[in-house]
Each structure stands twice: as structure tokens, then as C-alpha cells.
């Protein structure tokens, strides 16, 4: 059964950047937008497995550093015309702390 786990403080994730969290299921990229929204995706692009954590965050999307695929942070879905999806993890911020449901 999944549970909420505190992983860091919001300020530990750079604005318009990410932080990698190690888990038994693999690396998870935790992203922070310019408006301090926090999202979490599996740290692998569905195209060729590129490290999404090293991509550029813009709005609520991230661009993979390998081949430029863009993914929606809220769903993990690739932006058309590309097709694919990175696993999304539920995240929340409470009292300045970031929690993931893992």
C-alpha cells in the first residue's frame, strides 16, 4: 500500500529545476515550477530514457535534454505530436515540506 513520505523542503528543489529522489522503484525527478508547484515523474523520458531531471522546466512542462521531447508535469504525457508517458507520482506540499506518495 502506498504512503506519503516527506522527501525534502520546497526550497531544496531549485525553482525551474529538479531534484532526484532514489526509490526502490527507480529514480524519481521532483520538479518545482516558477510558481512553486511541485510535480514528480519517473526520471526517464518515454522516448529513449533520457534523464528528465536534467531537462528544462518551463511552465508546467519539462523538455528532455536528449531529444527535446516535452512532457506535461501534471500527467507525464508527451506533448503532441510525440506519444508516450513517464510515470507520475502524486506529490503535495504541506508546511513547506514536499511529500511523495510512494
N, C-alpha and C. Protein backbone atom coordinates (compact mmCIF):
# COMPACT_ATOMS: atom_id res chain seq x y z
N UNK A 1 0.84 -1.18 0.00
CA UNK A 1 0.00 0.00 0.00
C UNK A 1 0.88 1.25 0.00
N UNK A 2 0.54 2.22 -0.82
CA UNK A 2 1.32 3.45 -0.93
C UNK A 2 1.12 4.32 0.31
N UNK A 3 2.15 5.08 0.63
CA UNK A 3 2.05 6.00 1.76
C UNK A 3 2.77 7.29 1.39
N UNK A 4 2.40 8.39 2.08
CA UNK A 4 3.04 9.67 1.85
C UNK A 4 4.35 9.72 2.61
N UNK A 5 5.41 10.11 1.93
CA UNK A 5 6.73 10.19 2.54
C UNK A 5 7.31 11.58 2.31
N UNK A 6 7.75 12.21 3.40
CA UNK A 6 8.38 13.53 3.29
C UNK A 6 9.78 13.33 2.70
N UNK A 7 10.09 14.08 1.63
CA UNK A 7 11.38 13.87 0.97
C UNK A 7 12.34 15.05 1.09
N UNK A 8 11.80 16.26 1.22
CA UNK A 8 12.66 17.44 1.31
C UNK A 8 11.81 18.66 1.60
N UNK A 9 12.45 19.80 1.72
CA UNK A 9 11.76 21.08 1.83
C UNK A 9 11.58 21.63 0.41
N UNK A 10 10.58 22.47 0.22
CA UNK A 10 10.35 23.05 -1.11
C UNK A 10 11.60 23.76 -1.60
N UNK A 11 12.26 24.52 -0.71
CA UNK A 11 13.44 25.28 -1.14
C UNK A 11 14.63 24.40 -1.50
N UNK A 12 14.56 23.10 -1.20
CA UNK A 12 15.63 22.18 -1.60
C UNK A 12 15.54 21.81 -3.08
N UNK A 13 14.42 22.12 -3.71
CA UNK A 13 14.23 21.88 -5.14
C UNK A 13 14.38 23.23 -5.83
N UNK A 14 15.36 23.39 -6.71
CA UNK A 14 15.54 24.69 -7.36
C UNK A 14 14.32 25.10 -8.18
N UNK A 15 13.99 26.38 -8.12
CA UNK A 15 12.90 26.89 -8.94
C UNK A 15 13.26 26.67 -10.41
N UNK A 16 12.30 26.17 -11.19
CA UNK A 16 12.50 25.83 -12.61
C UNK A 16 13.57 24.74 -12.76
N UNK A 17 13.66 23.89 -11.75
CA UNK A 17 14.63 22.81 -11.78
C UNK A 17 14.06 21.57 -11.13
N UNK A 18 14.97 20.68 -10.71
CA UNK A 18 14.52 19.42 -10.15
C UNK A 18 15.51 18.89 -9.12
N UNK A 19 15.09 17.86 -8.47
CA UNK A 19 15.92 17.11 -7.52
C UNK A 19 15.58 15.64 -7.74
N UNK A 20 16.58 14.77 -7.67
CA UNK A 20 16.36 13.33 -7.87
C UNK A 20 16.23 12.66 -6.51
N UNK A 21 15.20 11.81 -6.42
CA UNK A 21 14.97 11.02 -5.22
C UNK A 21 15.14 9.56 -5.60
N UNK A 22 15.96 8.85 -4.84
CA UNK A 22 16.16 7.43 -5.08
C UNK A 22 15.03 6.65 -4.42
N UNK A 23 14.51 5.64 -5.12
CA UNK A 23 13.47 4.79 -4.54
C UNK A 23 13.68 3.37 -5.03
N UNK A 24 13.02 2.44 -4.38
CA UNK A 24 13.11 1.04 -4.79
C UNK A 24 12.60 0.85 -6.22
N UNK A 25 11.68 1.73 -6.65
CA UNK A 25 11.11 1.64 -7.99
C UNK A 25 11.97 2.34 -9.04
N UNK A 26 13.08 2.97 -8.62
CA UNK A 26 13.94 3.72 -9.54
C UNK A 26 13.97 5.19 -9.18
N UNK A 27 14.74 5.95 -9.94
CA UNK A 27 14.88 7.38 -9.66
C UNK A 27 13.59 8.14 -10.00
N UNK A 28 13.27 9.08 -9.12
CA UNK A 28 12.11 9.95 -9.30
C UNK A 28 12.62 11.38 -9.38
N UNK A 29 12.20 12.11 -10.40
CA UNK A 29 12.56 13.52 -10.55
C UNK A 29 11.44 14.37 -9.94
N UNK A 30 11.79 15.21 -9.00
CA UNK A 30 10.84 16.12 -8.36
C UNK A 30 11.11 17.50 -8.93
N UNK A 31 10.10 18.09 -9.56
CA UNK A 31 10.23 19.37 -10.25
C UNK A 31 9.52 20.48 -9.48
N UNK A 32 10.06 21.70 -9.60
CA UNK A 32 9.45 22.89 -8.99
C UNK A 32 9.30 23.95 -10.08
N UNK A 33 8.09 24.45 -10.23
CA UNK A 33 7.82 25.46 -11.24
C UNK A 33 8.14 26.86 -10.69
N UNK A 34 8.01 27.86 -11.54
CA UNK A 34 8.26 29.24 -11.12
C UNK A 34 7.25 29.72 -10.09
N UNK A 35 6.09 29.05 -10.03
CA UNK A 35 5.05 29.41 -9.06
C UNK A 35 5.04 28.47 -7.86
N UNK A 36 6.13 27.71 -7.69
CA UNK A 36 6.32 26.81 -6.57
C UNK A 36 5.40 25.59 -6.55
N UNK A 37 4.82 25.25 -7.71
CA UNK A 37 4.10 23.98 -7.80
C UNK A 37 5.14 22.87 -7.86
N UNK A 38 4.82 21.72 -7.28
CA UNK A 38 5.76 20.60 -7.25
C UNK A 38 5.11 19.39 -7.92
N UNK A 39 5.88 18.75 -8.80
CA UNK A 39 5.43 17.57 -9.54
C UNK A 39 6.52 16.51 -9.47
N UNK A 40 6.14 15.26 -9.66
CA UNK A 40 7.12 14.18 -9.63
C UNK A 40 6.84 13.19 -10.75
N UNK A 41 7.91 12.87 -11.50
CA UNK A 41 7.84 11.90 -12.60
C UNK A 41 9.00 10.93 -12.49
N UNK A 42 8.83 9.75 -13.05
CA UNK A 42 9.96 8.82 -13.17
C UNK A 42 11.04 9.54 -13.97
N UNK A 43 12.27 9.45 -13.54
CA UNK A 43 13.37 10.20 -14.15
C UNK A 43 13.87 9.53 -15.42
N UNK A 44 12.93 9.28 -16.34
CA UNK A 44 13.30 8.67 -17.62
C UNK A 44 12.27 9.07 -18.67
N UNK A 45 12.75 9.70 -19.72
CA UNK A 45 11.88 10.09 -20.82
C UNK A 45 11.34 8.83 -21.51
N UNK A 46 10.05 8.81 -21.88
CA UNK A 46 9.49 7.63 -22.54
C UNK A 46 10.07 7.39 -23.93
N UNK A 47 10.77 8.36 -24.49
CA UNK A 47 11.34 8.22 -25.83
C UNK A 47 12.57 7.32 -25.82
N UNK A 48 13.63 7.73 -25.13
CA UNK A 48 14.88 6.97 -25.12
C UNK A 48 15.48 6.87 -23.71
N UNK A 49 14.66 7.18 -22.69
CA UNK A 49 15.12 7.04 -21.32
C UNK A 49 16.00 8.16 -20.81
N UNK A 50 16.00 9.29 -21.51
CA UNK A 50 16.82 10.43 -21.09
C UNK A 50 16.45 10.90 -19.69
N UNK A 51 17.39 11.48 -18.95
CA UNK A 51 17.16 11.93 -17.58
C UNK A 51 16.34 13.22 -17.55
N UNK A 52 15.06 13.10 -17.28
CA UNK A 52 14.19 14.27 -17.25
C UNK A 52 14.64 15.29 -16.21
N UNK A 53 15.28 14.81 -15.14
CA UNK A 53 15.76 15.71 -14.08
C UNK A 53 16.78 16.71 -14.61
N UNK A 54 17.40 16.44 -15.75
CA UNK A 54 18.37 17.35 -16.33
C UNK A 54 17.76 18.23 -17.42
N UNK A 55 16.44 18.11 -17.58
CA UNK A 55 15.74 18.88 -18.61
C UNK A 55 15.40 20.29 -18.17
N UNK A 56 14.87 21.06 -19.09
CA UNK A 56 14.45 22.44 -18.83
C UNK A 56 12.99 22.47 -18.42
N UNK A 57 12.70 23.12 -17.30
CA UNK A 57 11.32 23.28 -16.84
C UNK A 57 10.81 24.63 -17.35
N UNK A 58 9.63 24.61 -17.96
CA UNK A 58 9.01 25.84 -18.46
C UNK A 58 7.51 25.69 -18.29
N UNK A 59 6.92 26.62 -17.56
CA UNK A 59 5.50 26.49 -17.24
C UNK A 59 5.30 25.21 -16.45
N UNK A 60 4.40 24.36 -16.92
CA UNK A 60 4.17 23.07 -16.27
C UNK A 60 4.60 21.93 -17.20
N UNK A 61 5.70 22.15 -17.91
CA UNK A 61 6.27 21.14 -18.79
C UNK A 61 7.78 21.04 -18.53
N UNK A 62 8.34 19.90 -18.93
CA UNK A 62 9.79 19.71 -18.91
C UNK A 62 10.20 19.23 -20.30
N UNK A 63 11.36 19.70 -20.77
CA UNK A 63 11.89 19.27 -22.05
C UNK A 63 13.07 18.34 -21.79
N UNK A 64 13.00 17.15 -22.35
CA UNK A 64 14.06 16.16 -22.19
C UNK A 64 15.36 16.69 -22.81
N UNK A 65 16.49 16.54 -22.10
CA UNK A 65 17.74 17.08 -22.61
C UNK A 65 18.32 16.30 -23.79
N UNK A 66 17.86 15.08 -24.04
CA UNK A 66 18.44 14.29 -25.13
C UNK A 66 17.89 14.63 -26.51
N UNK A 67 16.57 14.60 -26.65
CA UNK A 67 15.99 14.77 -27.98
C UNK A 67 14.87 15.80 -28.04
N UNK A 68 14.70 16.58 -26.96
CA UNK A 68 13.76 17.69 -26.99
C UNK A 68 12.29 17.33 -26.81
N UNK A 69 11.99 16.10 -26.41
CA UNK A 69 10.58 15.78 -26.14
C UNK A 69 10.12 16.63 -24.97
N UNK A 70 8.89 17.12 -25.06
CA UNK A 70 8.28 17.88 -23.96
C UNK A 70 7.21 17.01 -23.30
N UNK A 71 7.19 17.05 -21.96
CA UNK A 71 6.20 16.29 -21.20
C UNK A 71 5.47 17.21 -20.24
N UNK A 72 4.18 16.93 -20.06
CA UNK A 72 3.37 17.64 -19.08
C UNK A 72 3.74 17.14 -17.68
N UNK A 73 4.10 18.05 -16.78
CA UNK A 73 4.49 17.65 -15.44
C UNK A 73 3.32 17.08 -14.64
N UNK A 74 2.11 17.54 -14.92
CA UNK A 74 0.95 17.10 -14.13
C UNK A 74 0.45 15.71 -14.51
N UNK A 75 0.83 15.22 -15.69
CA UNK A 75 0.35 13.91 -16.13
C UNK A 75 1.47 12.97 -16.58
N UNK A 76 2.61 13.52 -16.97
CA UNK A 76 3.69 12.72 -17.54
C UNK A 76 3.54 12.45 -19.02
N UNK A 77 2.41 12.88 -19.59
CA UNK A 77 2.13 12.65 -21.01
C UNK A 77 3.01 13.53 -21.90
N UNK A 78 3.47 12.96 -23.02
CA UNK A 78 4.24 13.71 -24.01
C UNK A 78 3.33 14.71 -24.70
N UNK A 79 3.89 15.84 -25.08
CA UNK A 79 3.16 16.87 -25.82
C UNK A 79 3.12 16.43 -27.28
N UNK A 80 1.93 16.49 -27.91
CA UNK A 80 1.76 16.10 -29.31
C UNK A 80 2.70 16.93 -30.18
N UNK A 81 3.23 16.34 -31.23
CA UNK A 81 2.84 15.09 -31.86
C UNK A 81 3.49 13.85 -31.25
N UNK A 82 4.38 14.04 -30.26
CA UNK A 82 5.02 12.88 -29.63
C UNK A 82 4.00 12.12 -28.79
N UNK A 83 4.25 10.83 -28.63
CA UNK A 83 3.33 9.96 -27.89
C UNK A 83 4.14 9.14 -26.89
N UNK A 84 3.69 9.14 -25.66
CA UNK A 84 4.35 8.38 -24.61
C UNK A 84 4.04 9.01 -23.27
N UNK A 85 4.46 8.34 -22.21
CA UNK A 85 4.14 8.84 -20.89
C UNK A 85 5.21 8.39 -19.89
N UNK A 86 5.65 9.31 -19.05
CA UNK A 86 6.53 8.98 -17.93
C UNK A 86 5.62 8.77 -16.72
N UNK A 87 5.94 7.79 -15.89
CA UNK A 87 5.12 7.53 -14.71
C UNK A 87 5.08 8.76 -13.82
N UNK A 88 3.89 9.11 -13.37
CA UNK A 88 3.68 10.25 -12.49
C UNK A 88 3.50 9.75 -11.07
N UNK A 89 4.07 10.47 -10.11
CA UNK A 89 3.89 10.17 -8.70
C UNK A 89 3.12 11.32 -8.06
N UNK A 90 2.16 11.00 -7.21
CA UNK A 90 1.40 12.03 -6.52
C UNK A 90 2.34 12.77 -5.57
N UNK A 91 2.20 14.09 -5.54
CA UNK A 91 3.03 14.91 -4.68
C UNK A 91 2.15 15.97 -4.03
N UNK A 92 2.63 16.47 -2.89
CA UNK A 92 1.93 17.56 -2.21
C UNK A 92 2.94 18.32 -1.37
N UNK A 93 2.58 19.57 -1.06
CA UNK A 93 3.40 20.41 -0.19
C UNK A 93 2.56 20.77 1.01
N UNK A 94 3.10 20.50 2.19
CA UNK A 94 2.43 20.86 3.44
C UNK A 94 3.47 21.47 4.37
N UNK A 95 3.18 22.68 4.84
CA UNK A 95 4.09 23.33 5.77
C UNK A 95 5.48 23.52 5.22
N UNK A 96 5.60 23.70 3.90
CA UNK A 96 6.89 23.90 3.27
C UNK A 96 7.65 22.62 2.98
N UNK A 97 7.07 21.46 3.32
CA UNK A 97 7.71 20.17 3.07
C UNK A 97 7.06 19.50 1.85
N UNK A 98 7.88 18.80 1.08
CA UNK A 98 7.41 18.08 -0.11
C UNK A 98 7.21 16.62 0.28
N UNK A 99 6.03 16.10 -0.07
CA UNK A 99 5.70 14.70 0.19
C UNK A 99 5.41 14.00 -1.13
N UNK A 100 5.86 12.75 -1.25
CA UNK A 100 5.52 11.90 -2.38
C UNK A 100 4.75 10.71 -1.90
N UNK A 101 3.80 10.27 -2.71
CA UNK A 101 3.05 9.03 -2.40
C UNK A 101 3.77 7.90 -3.11
N UNK A 102 4.53 7.11 -2.32
CA UNK A 102 5.30 6.00 -2.90
C UNK A 102 5.14 4.75 -2.06
